[in-house]
Amino acid sequence: MGINRDKPDLWKRDVQASVDLYNEWFMEFAPKAFRDTRISTASKVESALINSNYLLNISPELLKDHPEILPILRMSTCPPIARDRLVGLAGVSKSLVENMEDNDNPRVSPRMSENMLYDQLTKISTTIIKMADPDIFVWLGEKRKPSDAEVQRSSTIVADRLCGAVADPIIRNAQEKRQLDAISTFLNAKGYKKAEKNTKYSEMQKGTYSFHTNVPVIVADGSETTVNIPVDVVIMPLSASQNSMPILIEAKSAGDFTNVNKRRKEEATKMQQLKRTYGVNVSYSLFLCGYFDSGYLGYEAAEGIDWIWEHRIEDLTQLGI
């Protein structure tokens, strides 16, 4: 017997309750999440201004020593330049720009020769200098040091541009954190404890849970190839027997009905891979909040995937928790 997938008569009411919960959260907390990110981003912009002598010294040496400032410089032009557009305008290597804008490890291309690197960084700096926005950086035309107020104002404008370009991920990350916090609170109240960091899914003890854990799966029938798939929540029930497979949960949120149907195949693919690897009884469910319509729910139900609504989080107990 299913939890929610076999109860279509309840879907319409649950969808509305889920939308209401998401909207309530969005109105109250999303602006704060965006503001907090904007404040931290403005601080990074101000540091970039200081390192570049307030954009008066955008040099190849600066870009080599501080590749992380490239996204800031792109948003400092008129009009702001998209990453691929910069590649075309400056006539530089796409991989160089991508390496410089890698969130985890911004760097210049390590295999590029010094001469080529200097030439490409010169092209980037020349493009940025030529297109720097004079209405934001009002001191550039006079080649003077800006006032503190001018620096703060320009940093906030560029931060707004940067945050506007990644507004959806900011909201998505804040919502995911809230969902995982809700699950953590629920499990803690049941006597569960969070597993040690980097604990493998196969090494989890009874009564523990972990977030963002890799689970290996076989890619296709007859293949020996395995890949790791990230699972948002992995729970080893208090009542689990030895060598039991933990319960797997994917936290999903959506701020509109349009995108969910584009993403629904991701869960179906994961389910197929998990069943192929661990058998048909593997426990893989969704934790939903937001705009998930009957089309999405019907698709997942047909794939054998069940779900728990966040507004009725106590349904987690039906997974054997």
C-alpha atoms as a PDB file:
ATOM      1  CA  MET A   1       0.000   0.000   0.000  1.00  0.00           C
ATOM      2  CA  GLY A   2       1.334   3.402  -0.956  1.00  0.00           C
ATOM      3  CA  ILE A   3       1.606   6.586   1.076  1.00  0.00           C
ATOM      4  CA  ASN A   4       0.267   9.142  -1.415  1.00  0.00           C
ATOM      5  CA  ARG A   5       0.781   7.801  -4.936  1.00  0.00           C
ATOM      6  CA  ASP A   6      -2.269   5.502  -4.717  1.00  0.00           C
ATOM      7  CA  LYS A   7      -4.605   8.220  -3.403  1.00  0.00           C
ATOM      8  CA  PRO A   8      -5.366  10.464  -6.413  1.00  0.00           C
ATOM      9  CA  ASP A   9      -8.570  11.646  -4.755  1.00  0.00           C
ATOM     10  CA  LEU A  10      -6.378  13.567  -2.277  1.00  0.00           C
ATOM     11  CA  TRP A  11      -3.956  15.048  -4.802  1.00  0.00           C
ATOM     12  CA  LYS A  12      -5.888  18.231  -5.615  1.00  0.00           C
ATOM     13  CA  ARG A  13      -6.266  19.196  -1.956  1.00  0.00           C
ATOM     14  CA  ASP A  14      -2.642  18.358  -1.205  1.00  0.00           C
ATOM     15  CA  VAL A  15      -1.366  20.335  -4.198  1.00  0.00           C
ATOM     16  CA  GLN A  16      -3.191  23.430  -2.953  1.00  0.00           C
ATOM     17  CA  ALA A  17      -1.885  22.963   0.599  1.00  0.00           C
ATOM     18  CA  SER A  18       1.645  22.494  -0.762  1.00  0.00           C
ATOM     19  CA  VAL A  19       1.417  25.629  -2.909  1.00  0.00           C
ATOM     20  CA  ASP A  20       0.156  27.606   0.083  1.00  0.00           C
ATOM     21  CA  LEU A  21       3.063  26.395   2.237  1.00  0.00           C
ATOM     22  CA  TYR A  22       5.626  27.305  -0.403  1.00  0.00           C
ATOM     23  CA  ASN A  23       4.121  30.743  -1.000  1.00  0.00           C
ATOM     24  CA  GLU A  24       3.971  31.466   2.719  1.00  0.00           C
ATOM     25  CA  TRP A  25       7.654  30.574   3.064  1.00  0.00           C
ATOM     26  CA  PHE A  26       8.609  32.536  -0.048  1.00  0.00           C
ATOM     27  CA  MET A  27       6.893  35.745   1.079  1.00  0.00           C
ATOM     28  CA  GLU A  28       8.455  35.570   4.536  1.00  0.00           C
ATOM     29  CA  PHE A  29      11.940  34.176   3.967  1.00  0.00           C
ATOM     30  CA  ALA A  30      12.944  34.448   0.297  1.00  0.00           C
ATOM     31  CA  PRO A  31      13.568  38.222   0.425  1.00  0.00           C
ATOM     32  CA  LYS A  32      15.862  37.711   3.436  1.00  0.00           C
ATOM     33  CA  ALA A  33      17.778  34.940   1.679  1.00  0.00           C
ATOM     34  CA  PHE A  34      18.230  37.205  -1.322  1.00  0.00           C
ATOM     35  CA  ARG A  35      19.256  40.191   0.835  1.00  0.00           C
ATOM     36  CA  ASP A  36      21.768  38.148   2.810  1.00  0.00           C
ATOM     37  CA  THR A  37      23.352  36.897  -0.400  1.00  0.00           C
ATOM     38  CA  ARG A  38      23.381  40.414  -1.831  1.00  0.00           C
ATOM     39  CA  ILE A  39      25.177  41.745   1.257  1.00  0.00           C
ATOM     40  CA  SER A  40      27.902  39.084   1.076  1.00  0.00           C
ATOM     41  CA  THR A  41      28.174  39.556  -2.692  1.00  0.00           C
ATOM     42  CA  ALA A  42      28.492  43.345  -2.316  1.00  0.00           C
ATOM     43  CA  SER A  43      31.422  42.721   0.032  1.00  0.00           C
ATOM     44  CA  LYS A  44      33.114  40.605  -2.640  1.00  0.00           C
ATOM     45  CA  VAL A  45      32.478  43.318  -5.241  1.00  0.00           C
ATOM     46  CA  GLU A  46      34.053  45.923  -2.976  1.00  0.00           C
ATOM     47  CA  SER A  47      37.132  43.713  -2.543  1.00  0.00           C
ATOM     48  CA  ALA A  48      37.353  43.337  -6.316  1.00  0.00           C
ATOM     49  CA  LEU A  49      37.199  47.125  -6.691  1.00  0.00           C
ATOM     50  CA  ILE A  50      40.009  47.553  -4.200  1.00  0.00           C
ATOM     51  CA  ASN A  51      42.166  44.896  -5.902  1.00  0.00           C
ATOM     52  CA  SER A  52      41.670  46.570  -9.283  1.00  0.00           C
ATOM     53  CA  ASN A  53      42.310  50.073  -7.912  1.00  0.00           C
ATOM     54  CA  TYR A  54      38.606  50.767  -8.403  1.00  0.00           C
ATOM     55  CA  LEU A  55      38.670  49.464 -11.999  1.00  0.00           C
ATOM     56  CA  LEU A  56      41.490  51.860 -12.897  1.00  0.00           C
ATOM     57  CA  ASN A  57      43.931  48.947 -13.162  1.00  0.00           C
ATOM     58  CA  ILE A  58      42.309  45.953 -14.852  1.00  0.00           C
ATOM     59  CA  SER A  59      45.405  44.148 -16.054  1.00  0.00           C
ATOM     60  CA  PRO A  60      46.353  40.624 -17.173  1.00  0.00           C
ATOM     61  CA  GLU A  61      48.341  40.311 -13.943  1.00  0.00           C
ATOM     62  CA  LEU A  62      45.250  41.155 -11.889  1.00  0.00           C
ATOM     63  CA  LEU A  63      43.154  38.542 -13.702  1.00  0.00           C
ATOM     64  CA  LYS A  64      45.865  35.917 -13.278  1.00  0.00           C
ATOM     65  CA  ASP A  65      46.224  36.585  -9.548  1.00  0.00           C
ATOM     66  CA  HIS A  66      42.483  37.030  -8.920  1.00  0.00           C
ATOM     67  CA  PRO A  67      40.548  34.971 -11.520  1.00  0.00           C
ATOM     68  CA  GLU A  68      37.538  34.926  -9.167  1.00  0.00           C
ATOM     69  CA  ILE A  69      36.745  38.570  -9.991  1.00  0.00           C
ATOM     70  CA  LEU A  70      35.829  37.861 -13.617  1.00  0.00           C
ATOM     71  CA  PRO A  71      32.066  37.375 -12.950  1.00  0.00           C
ATOM     72  CA  ILE A  72      32.104  40.700 -11.080  1.00  0.00           C
ATOM     73  CA  LEU A  73      33.841  42.433 -13.963  1.00  0.00           C
ATOM     74  CA  ARG A  74      31.305  41.035 -16.440  1.00  0.00           C
ATOM     75  CA  MET A  75      28.501  42.592 -14.404  1.00  0.00           C
ATOM     76  CA  SER A  76      30.398  45.897 -14.275  1.00  0.00           C
ATOM     77  CA  THR A  77      29.952  46.675 -17.963  1.00  0.00           C
ATOM     78  CA  CYS A  78      27.254  48.418 -19.975  1.00  0.00           C
ATOM     79  CA  PRO A  79      25.418  46.280 -20.821  1.00  0.00           C
ATOM     80  CA  PRO A  80      26.381  43.409 -18.500  1.00  0.00           C
ATOM     81  CA  ILE A  81      28.118  40.670 -20.485  1.00  0.00           C
ATOM     82  CA  ALA A  82      27.074  37.022 -20.350  1.00  0.00           C
ATOM     83  CA  ARG A  83      29.891  34.494 -20.069  1.00  0.00           C
ATOM     84  CA  ASP A  84      29.599  33.182 -23.630  1.00  0.00           C
ATOM     85  CA  ARG A  85      29.237  36.713 -24.947  1.00  0.00           C
ATOM     86  CA  LEU A  86      32.553  37.666 -23.334  1.00  0.00           C
ATOM     87  CA  VAL A  87      34.203  34.712 -25.048  1.00  0.00           C
ATOM     88  CA  GLY A  88      32.956  35.974 -28.419  1.00  0.00           C
ATOM     89  CA  LEU A  89      33.633  39.671 -27.831  1.00  0.00           C
ATOM     90  CA  ALA A  90      37.147  39.179 -26.525  1.00  0.00           C
ATOM     91  CA  GLY A  91      37.957  36.289 -28.852  1.00  0.00           C
ATOM     92  CA  VAL A  92      39.290  34.096 -26.058  1.00  0.00           C
ATOM     93  CA  SER A  93      39.154  30.455 -25.055  1.00  0.00           C
ATOM     94  CA  LYS A  94      35.831  29.343 -23.569  1.00  0.00           C
ATOM     95  CA  SER A  95      37.636  26.915 -21.243  1.00  0.00           C
ATOM     96  CA  LEU A  96      39.762  29.771 -19.859  1.00  0.00           C
ATOM     97  CA  VAL A  97      36.664  31.777 -18.948  1.00  0.00           C
ATOM     98  CA  GLU A  98      34.954  28.697 -17.485  1.00  0.00           C
ATOM     99  CA  ASN A  99      38.023  27.885 -15.377  1.00  0.00           C
ATOM    100  CA  MET A 100      38.192  31.446 -14.068  1.00  0.00           C
ATOM    101  CA  GLU A 101      34.509  31.286 -13.113  1.00  0.00           C
ATOM    102  CA  ASP A 102      34.578  27.854 -11.497  1.00  0.00           C
ATOM    103  CA  ASN A 103      32.784  28.360  -8.169  1.00  0.00           C
ATOM    104  CA  ASP A 104      34.839  25.732  -6.349  1.00  0.00           C
ATOM    105  CA  ASN A 105      38.253  26.447  -7.836  1.00  0.00           C
ATOM    106  CA  PRO A 106      38.597  29.660  -9.881  1.00  0.00           C
ATOM    107  CA  ARG A 107      41.858  29.515 -11.819  1.00  0.00           C
ATOM    108  CA  VAL A 108      43.497  30.312 -15.113  1.00  0.00           C
ATOM    109  CA  SER A 109      43.957  27.395 -17.503  1.00  0.00           C
ATOM    110  CA  PRO A 110      46.970  25.482 -16.107  1.00  0.00           C
ATOM    111  CA  ARG A 111      48.046  23.979 -19.437  1.00  0.00           C
ATOM    112  CA  MET A 112      47.976  27.220 -21.395  1.00  0.00           C
ATOM    113  CA  SER A 113      51.389  28.619 -22.278  1.00  0.00           C
ATOM    114  CA  GLU A 114      52.438  31.839 -20.533  1.00  0.00           C
ATOM    115  CA  ASN A 115      52.457  33.812 -23.786  1.00  0.00           C
ATOM    116  CA  MET A 116      48.994  32.640 -24.832  1.00  0.00           C
ATOM    117  CA  LEU A 117      47.630  33.173 -21.331  1.00  0.00           C
ATOM    118  CA  TYR A 118      48.953  36.730 -21.200  1.00  0.00           C
ATOM    119  CA  ASP A 119      47.504  37.432 -24.645  1.00  0.00           C
ATOM    120  CA  GLN A 120      44.069  36.081 -23.721  1.00  0.00           C
ATOM    121  CA  LEU A 121      43.952  37.879 -20.372  1.00  0.00           C
ATOM    122  CA  THR A 122      44.936  41.095 -22.138  1.00  0.00           C
ATOM    123  CA  LYS A 123      41.988  40.671 -24.505  1.00  0.00           C
ATOM    124  CA  ILE A 124      39.631  40.155 -21.576  1.00  0.00           C
ATOM    125  CA  SER A 125      40.938  43.164 -19.659  1.00  0.00           C
ATOM    126  CA  THR A 126      40.766  45.362 -22.777  1.00  0.00           C
ATOM    127  CA  THR A 127      37.139  44.357 -23.350  1.00  0.00           C
ATOM    128  CA  ILE A 128      36.164  45.060 -19.733  1.00  0.00           C
ATOM    129  CA  ILE A 129      37.933  48.429 -19.687  1.00  0.00           C
ATOM    130  CA  LYS A 130      36.245  49.495 -22.924  1.00  0.00           C
ATOM    131  CA  MET A 131      32.779  48.505 -21.696  1.00  0.00           C
ATOM    132  CA  ALA A 132      32.971  49.493 -18.011  1.00  0.00           C
ATOM    133  CA  ASP A 133      29.727  51.248 -17.072  1.00  0.00           C
ATOM    134  CA  PRO A 134      30.453  54.998 -16.610  1.00  0.00           C
ATOM    135  CA  ASP A 135      27.073  55.589 -14.956  1.00  0.00           C
ATOM    136  CA  ILE A 136      27.943  53.188 -12.142  1.00  0.00           C
ATOM    137  CA  PHE A 137      31.638  53.924 -11.813  1.00  0.00           C
ATOM    138  CA  VAL A 138      31.398  57.677 -12.133  1.00  0.00           C
ATOM    139  CA  TRP A 139      35.033  58.226 -11.161  1.00  0.00           C
ATOM    140  CA  LEU A 140      36.489  56.411 -14.172  1.00  0.00           C
ATOM    141  CA  GLY A 141      36.148  59.349 -16.553  1.00  0.00           C
ATOM    142  CA  GLU A 142      37.987  61.590 -14.121  1.00  0.00           C
ATOM    143  CA  LYS A 143      40.535  58.887 -13.237  1.00  0.00           C
ATOM    144  CA  ARG A 144      40.193  59.622  -9.555  1.00  0.00           C
ATOM    145  CA  LYS A 145      39.722  57.610  -6.392  1.00  0.00           C
ATOM    146  CA  PRO A 146      36.032  57.230  -5.557  1.00  0.00           C
ATOM    147  CA  SER A 147      34.402  58.279  -2.311  1.00  0.00           C
ATOM    148  CA  ASP A 148      33.241  55.664   0.171  1.00  0.00           C
ATOM    149  CA  ALA A 149      29.634  56.389  -0.772  1.00  0.00           C
ATOM    150  CA  GLU A 150      30.397  55.857  -4.468  1.00  0.00           C
ATOM    151  CA  VAL A 151      32.106  52.547  -3.744  1.00  0.00           C
ATOM    152  CA  GLN A 152      29.195  51.338  -1.632  1.00  0.00           C
ATOM    153  CA  ARG A 153      26.638  52.408  -4.216  1.00  0.00           C
ATOM    154  CA  SER A 154      28.450  50.786  -7.148  1.00  0.00           C
ATOM    155  CA  SER A 155      29.121  47.597  -5.167  1.00  0.00           C
ATOM    156  CA  THR A 156      25.421  47.243  -4.355  1.00  0.00           C
ATOM    157  CA  ILE A 157      24.409  47.762  -7.998  1.00  0.00           C
ATOM    158  CA  VAL A 158      26.843  45.132  -9.263  1.00  0.00           C
ATOM    159  CA  ALA A 159      25.819  42.764  -6.452  1.00  0.00           C
ATOM    160  CA  ASP A 160      22.187  43.195  -7.523  1.00  0.00           C
ATOM    161  CA  ARG A 161      23.151  42.271 -11.063  1.00  0.00           C
ATOM    162  CA  LEU A 162      25.056  39.197  -9.893  1.00  0.00           C
ATOM    163  CA  CYS A 163      22.266  38.070  -7.588  1.00  0.00           C
ATOM    164  CA  GLY A 164      19.644  38.726 -10.248  1.00  0.00           C
ATOM    165  CA  ALA A 165      21.496  36.361 -12.564  1.00  0.00           C
ATOM    166  CA  VAL A 166      21.413  33.602  -9.941  1.00  0.00           C
ATOM    167  CA  ALA A 167      18.175  34.461  -8.121  1.00  0.00           C
ATOM    168  CA  ASP A 168      16.601  31.048  -8.707  1.00  0.00           C
ATOM    169  CA  PRO A 169      19.569  29.091  -7.261  1.00  0.00           C
ATOM    170  CA  ILE A 170      19.629  31.407  -4.225  1.00  0.00           C
ATOM    171  CA  ILE A 171      15.965  30.679  -3.514  1.00  0.00           C
ATOM    172  CA  ARG A 172      16.376  26.985  -4.320  1.00  0.00           C
ATOM    173  CA  ASN A 173      19.307  26.605  -1.922  1.00  0.00           C
ATOM    174  CA  ALA A 174      17.454  28.409   0.872  1.00  0.00           C
ATOM    175  CA  GLN A 175      14.386  26.228   0.341  1.00  0.00           C
ATOM    176  CA  GLU A 176      16.443  23.026   0.307  1.00  0.00           C
ATOM    177  CA  LYS A 177      18.084  24.009   3.588  1.00  0.00           C
ATOM    178  CA  ARG A 178      14.664  24.632   5.109  1.00  0.00           C
ATOM    179  CA  GLN A 179      13.367  21.261   3.905  1.00  0.00           C
ATOM    180  CA  LEU A 180      16.374  19.398   5.276  1.00  0.00           C
ATOM    181  CA  ASP A 181      16.054  21.265   8.579  1.00  0.00           C
ATOM    182  CA  ALA A 182      12.406  20.153   8.787  1.00  0.00           C
ATOM    183  CA  ILE A 183      13.381  16.509   8.207  1.00  0.00           C
ATOM    184  CA  SER A 184      16.228  16.796  10.719  1.00  0.00           C
ATOM    185  CA  THR A 185      13.892  18.222  13.374  1.00  0.00           C
ATOM    186  CA  PHE A 186      11.362  15.447  12.738  1.00  0.00           C
ATOM    187  CA  LEU A 187      13.989  12.684  12.944  1.00  0.00           C
ATOM    188  CA  ASN A 188      15.692  14.119  16.023  1.00  0.00           C
ATOM    189  CA  ALA A 189      12.361  14.119  17.834  1.00  0.00           C
ATOM    190  CA  LYS A 190      12.069  10.401  17.001  1.00  0.00           C
ATOM    191  CA  GLY A 191      15.454   9.670  18.591  1.00  0.00           C
ATOM    192  CA  TYR A 192      17.566   9.684  15.440  1.00  0.00           C
ATOM    193  CA  LYS A 193      21.042  11.220  15.235  1.00  0.00           C
ATOM    194  CA  LYS A 194      22.943  12.646  12.323  1.00  0.00           C
ATOM    195  CA  ALA A 195      25.694  10.316  11.110  1.00  0.00           C
ATOM    196  CA  GLU A 196      29.338  11.307  11.184  1.00  0.00           C
ATOM    197  CA  LYS A 197      30.434  13.378   8.201  1.00  0.00           C
ATOM    198  CA  ASN A 198      31.420  11.331   5.120  1.00  0.00           C
ATOM    199  CA  THR A 199      29.781   8.157   6.470  1.00  0.00           C
ATOM    200  CA  LYS A 200      29.057   5.851   3.539  1.00  0.00           C
ATOM    201  CA  TYR A 201      25.459   4.774   2.977  1.00  0.00           C
ATOM    202  CA  SER A 202      26.495   1.144   3.572  1.00  0.00           C
ATOM    203  CA  GLU A 203      28.155   1.968   6.905  1.00  0.00           C
ATOM    204  CA  MET A 204      25.273   3.798   8.551  1.00  0.00           C
ATOM    205  CA  GLN A 205      24.185   2.639  11.983  1.00  0.00           C
ATOM    206  CA  LYS A 206      20.578   2.084  13.071  1.00  0.00           C
ATOM    207  CA  GLY A 207      18.882   5.309  14.094  1.00  0.00           C
ATOM    208  CA  THR A 208      21.115   7.611  12.036  1.00  0.00           C
ATOM    209  CA  TYR A 209      20.605   9.802   8.978  1.00  0.00           C
ATOM    210  CA  SER A 210      22.767  11.806   6.587  1.00  0.00           C
ATOM    211  CA  PHE A 211      22.349  14.474   3.939  1.00  0.00           C
ATOM    212  CA  HIS A 212      23.783  14.639   0.414  1.00  0.00           C
ATOM    213  CA  THR A 213      25.160  11.107   0.422  1.00  0.00           C
ATOM    214  CA  ASN A 214      26.472   9.299  -2.661  1.00  0.00           C
ATOM    215  CA  VAL A 215      24.876   5.959  -3.487  1.00  0.00           C
ATOM    216  CA  PRO A 216      26.460   3.802  -6.242  1.00  0.00           C
ATOM    217  CA  VAL A 217      24.155   2.414  -8.941  1.00  0.00           C
ATOM    218  CA  ILE A 218      24.546   0.249 -12.029  1.00  0.00           C
ATOM    219  CA  VAL A 219      24.120   2.378 -15.137  1.00  0.00           C
ATOM    220  CA  ALA A 220      22.315  -0.136 -17.357  1.00  0.00           C
ATOM    221  CA  ASP A 221      21.259  -3.797 -17.577  1.00  0.00           C
ATOM    222  CA  GLY A 222      24.171  -6.101 -18.287  1.00  0.00           C
ATOM    223  CA  SER A 223      26.671  -3.359 -17.540  1.00  0.00           C
ATOM    224  CA  GLU A 224      29.354  -3.477 -14.883  1.00  0.00           C
ATOM    225  CA  THR A 225      29.643   0.292 -14.967  1.00  0.00           C
ATOM    226  CA  THR A 226      28.574   2.056 -11.781  1.00  0.00           C
ATOM    227  CA  VAL A 227      28.180   5.722 -10.971  1.00  0.00           C
ATOM    228  CA  ASN A 228      27.477   7.575  -7.751  1.00  0.00           C
ATOM    229  CA  ILE A 229      24.158   9.377  -7.545  1.00  0.00           C
ATOM    230  CA  PRO A 230      23.684  11.999  -4.821  1.00  0.00           C
ATOM    231  CA  VAL A 231      20.724  11.392  -2.509  1.00  0.00           C
ATOM    232  CA  ASP A 232      19.440  14.256  -0.360  1.00  0.00           C
ATOM    233  CA  VAL A 233      18.455  12.206   2.690  1.00  0.00           C
ATOM    234  CA  VAL A 234      19.593   8.714   3.704  1.00  0.00           C
ATOM    235  CA  ILE A 235      17.992   7.166   6.811  1.00  0.00           C
ATOM    236  CA  MET A 236      18.772   3.900   8.571  1.00  0.00           C
ATOM    237  CA  PRO A 237      15.641   3.101  10.609  1.00  0.00           C
ATOM    238  CA  LEU A 238      15.852   2.288  14.297  1.00  0.00           C
ATOM    239  CA  SER A 239      14.163  -1.022  13.521  1.00  0.00           C
ATOM    240  CA  ALA A 240      16.475  -1.955  10.636  1.00  0.00           C
ATOM    241  CA  SER A 241      17.885  -5.465  10.490  1.00  0.00           C
ATOM    242  CA  GLN A 242      21.539  -6.172   9.750  1.00  0.00           C
ATOM    243  CA  ASN A 243      22.670  -5.347   6.197  1.00  0.00           C
ATOM    244  CA  SER A 244      19.416  -3.485   5.483  1.00  0.00           C
ATOM    245  CA  MET A 245      19.350  -0.902   2.724  1.00  0.00           C
ATOM    246  CA  PRO A 246      18.652   2.564   4.145  1.00  0.00           C
ATOM    247  CA  ILE A 247      15.636   4.649   3.213  1.00  0.00           C
ATOM    248  CA  LEU A 248      16.391   7.172   0.449  1.00  0.00           C
ATOM    249  CA  ILE A 249      14.569  10.494   0.111  1.00  0.00           C
ATOM    250  CA  GLU A 250      14.867  13.258  -2.468  1.00  0.00           C
ATOM    251  CA  ALA A 251      13.868  16.750  -1.269  1.00  0.00           C
ATOM    252  CA  LYS A 252      12.052  18.639  -4.022  1.00  0.00           C
ATOM    253  CA  SER A 253      10.597  22.148  -4.104  1.00  0.00           C
ATOM    254  CA  ALA A 254       9.194  24.219  -6.945  1.00  0.00           C
ATOM    255  CA  GLY A 255       7.991  27.793  -7.264  1.00  0.00           C
ATOM    256  CA  ASP A 256       5.874  27.194 -10.374  1.00  0.00           C
ATOM    257  CA  PHE A 257       4.187  24.361 -12.260  1.00  0.00           C
ATOM    258  CA  THR A 258       6.209  24.789 -15.465  1.00  0.00           C
ATOM    259  CA  ASN A 259       9.616  23.446 -14.497  1.00  0.00           C
ATOM    260  CA  VAL A 260       8.581  20.406 -12.469  1.00  0.00           C
ATOM    261  CA  ASN A 261       7.497  18.441 -15.515  1.00  0.00           C
ATOM    262  CA  LYS A 262      10.892  19.091 -17.105  1.00  0.00           C
ATOM    263  CA  ARG A 263      12.611  17.588 -14.060  1.00  0.00           C
ATOM    264  CA  ARG A 264      10.363  14.591 -13.388  1.00  0.00           C
ATOM    265  CA  LYS A 265      12.425  12.214 -15.529  1.00  0.00           C
ATOM    266  CA  GLU A 266      15.425  12.710 -13.220  1.00  0.00           C
ATOM    267  CA  GLU A 267      13.684  10.918 -10.346  1.00  0.00           C
ATOM    268  CA  ALA A 268      12.346   8.203 -12.654  1.00  0.00           C
ATOM    269  CA  THR A 269      15.863   7.497 -13.938  1.00  0.00           C
ATOM    270  CA  LYS A 270      17.228   7.324 -10.398  1.00  0.00           C
ATOM    271  CA  MET A 271      14.459   4.917  -9.386  1.00  0.00           C
ATOM    272  CA  GLN A 272      15.216   2.616 -12.321  1.00  0.00           C
ATOM    273  CA  GLN A 273      18.919   2.591 -11.497  1.00  0.00           C
ATOM    274  CA  LEU A 274      18.274   1.945  -7.791  1.00  0.00           C
ATOM    275  CA  LYS A 275      15.908  -0.964  -8.505  1.00  0.00           C
ATOM    276  CA  ARG A 276      18.384  -2.430 -10.977  1.00  0.00           C
ATOM    277  CA  THR A 277      21.142  -2.270  -8.360  1.00  0.00           C
ATOM    278  CA  TYR A 278      19.365  -3.002  -5.067  1.00  0.00           C
ATOM    279  CA  GLY A 279      16.162  -4.778  -6.076  1.00  0.00           C
ATOM    280  CA  VAL A 280      12.528  -3.818  -6.480  1.00  0.00           C
ATOM    281  CA  ASN A 281      12.000  -3.276  -2.760  1.00  0.00           C
ATOM    282  CA  VAL A 282      14.433  -0.365  -2.509  1.00  0.00           C
ATOM    283  CA  SER A 283      12.830   2.549  -0.621  1.00  0.00           C
ATOM    284  CA  TYR A 284      13.126   5.758  -2.652  1.00  0.00           C
ATOM    285  CA  SER A 285      10.626   8.568  -2.039  1.00  0.00           C
ATOM    286  CA  LEU A 286      10.188  12.276  -2.660  1.00  0.00           C
ATOM    287  CA  PHE A 287       9.710  15.030  -0.077  1.00  0.00           C
ATOM    288  CA  LEU A 288       7.612  17.672  -1.825  1.00  0.00           C
ATOM    289  CA  CYS A 289       6.844  21.332  -1.197  1.00  0.00           C
ATOM    290  CA  GLY A 290       5.439  23.742  -3.736  1.00  0.00           C
ATOM    291  CA  TYR A 291       3.979  23.527  -7.202  1.00  0.00           C
ATOM    292  CA  PHE A 292       3.647  19.847  -8.137  1.00  0.00           C
ATOM    293  CA  ASP A 293       0.555  19.246 -10.259  1.00  0.00           C
ATOM    294  CA  SER A 294      -1.354  16.074 -11.030  1.00  0.00           C
ATOM    295  CA  GLY A 295       0.624  15.592 -14.257  1.00  0.00           C
ATOM    296  CA  TYR A 296       3.865  15.406 -12.291  1.00  0.00           C
ATOM    297  CA  LEU A 297       2.354  13.253  -9.555  1.00  0.00           C
ATOM    298  CA  GLY A 298       0.785  10.838 -12.034  1.00  0.00           C
ATOM    299  CA  TYR A 299       4.080  10.420 -13.865  1.00  0.00           C
ATOM    300  CA  GLU A 300       5.981   9.644 -10.661  1.00  0.00           C
ATOM    301  CA  ALA A 301       3.251   7.284  -9.435  1.00  0.00           C
ATOM    302  CA  ALA A 302       3.418   5.372 -12.720  1.00  0.00           C
ATOM    303  CA  GLU A 303       7.165   4.948 -12.149  1.00  0.00           C
ATOM    304  CA  GLY A 304       6.479   3.445  -8.722  1.00  0.00           C
ATOM    305  CA  ILE A 305       7.716   6.504  -6.840  1.00  0.00           C
ATOM    306  CA  ASP A 306       5.869   7.608  -3.729  1.00  0.00           C
ATOM    307  CA  TRP A 307       6.084  10.927  -1.939  1.00  0.00           C
ATOM    308  CA  ILE A 308       5.614  12.712   1.360  1.00  0.00           C
ATOM    309  CA  TRP A 309       4.156  16.207   1.426  1.00  0.00           C
ATOM    310  CA  GLU A 310       6.027  18.603   3.659  1.00  0.00           C
ATOM    311  CA  HIS A 311       2.767  19.996   5.002  1.00  0.00           C
ATOM    312  CA  ARG A 312       2.072  16.460   6.271  1.00  0.00           C
ATOM    313  CA  ILE A 313       5.591  15.512   7.328  1.00  0.00           C
ATOM    314  CA  GLU A 314       4.322  12.927   9.802  1.00  0.00           C
ATOM    315  CA  ASP A 315       3.724  10.629   6.803  1.00  0.00           C
ATOM    316  CA  LEU A 316       7.463   9.895   7.027  1.00  0.00           C
ATOM    317  CA  THR A 317       6.552   7.335   9.682  1.00  0.00           C
ATOM    318  CA  GLN A 318       4.863   5.250   6.977  1.00  0.00           C
ATOM    319  CA  LEU A 319       8.316   4.606   5.507  1.00  0.00           C
ATOM    320  CA  GLY A 320       9.165   2.639   8.643  1.00  0.00           C
ATOM    321  CA  ILE A 321      10.942   5.474  10.413  1.00  0.00           C
END
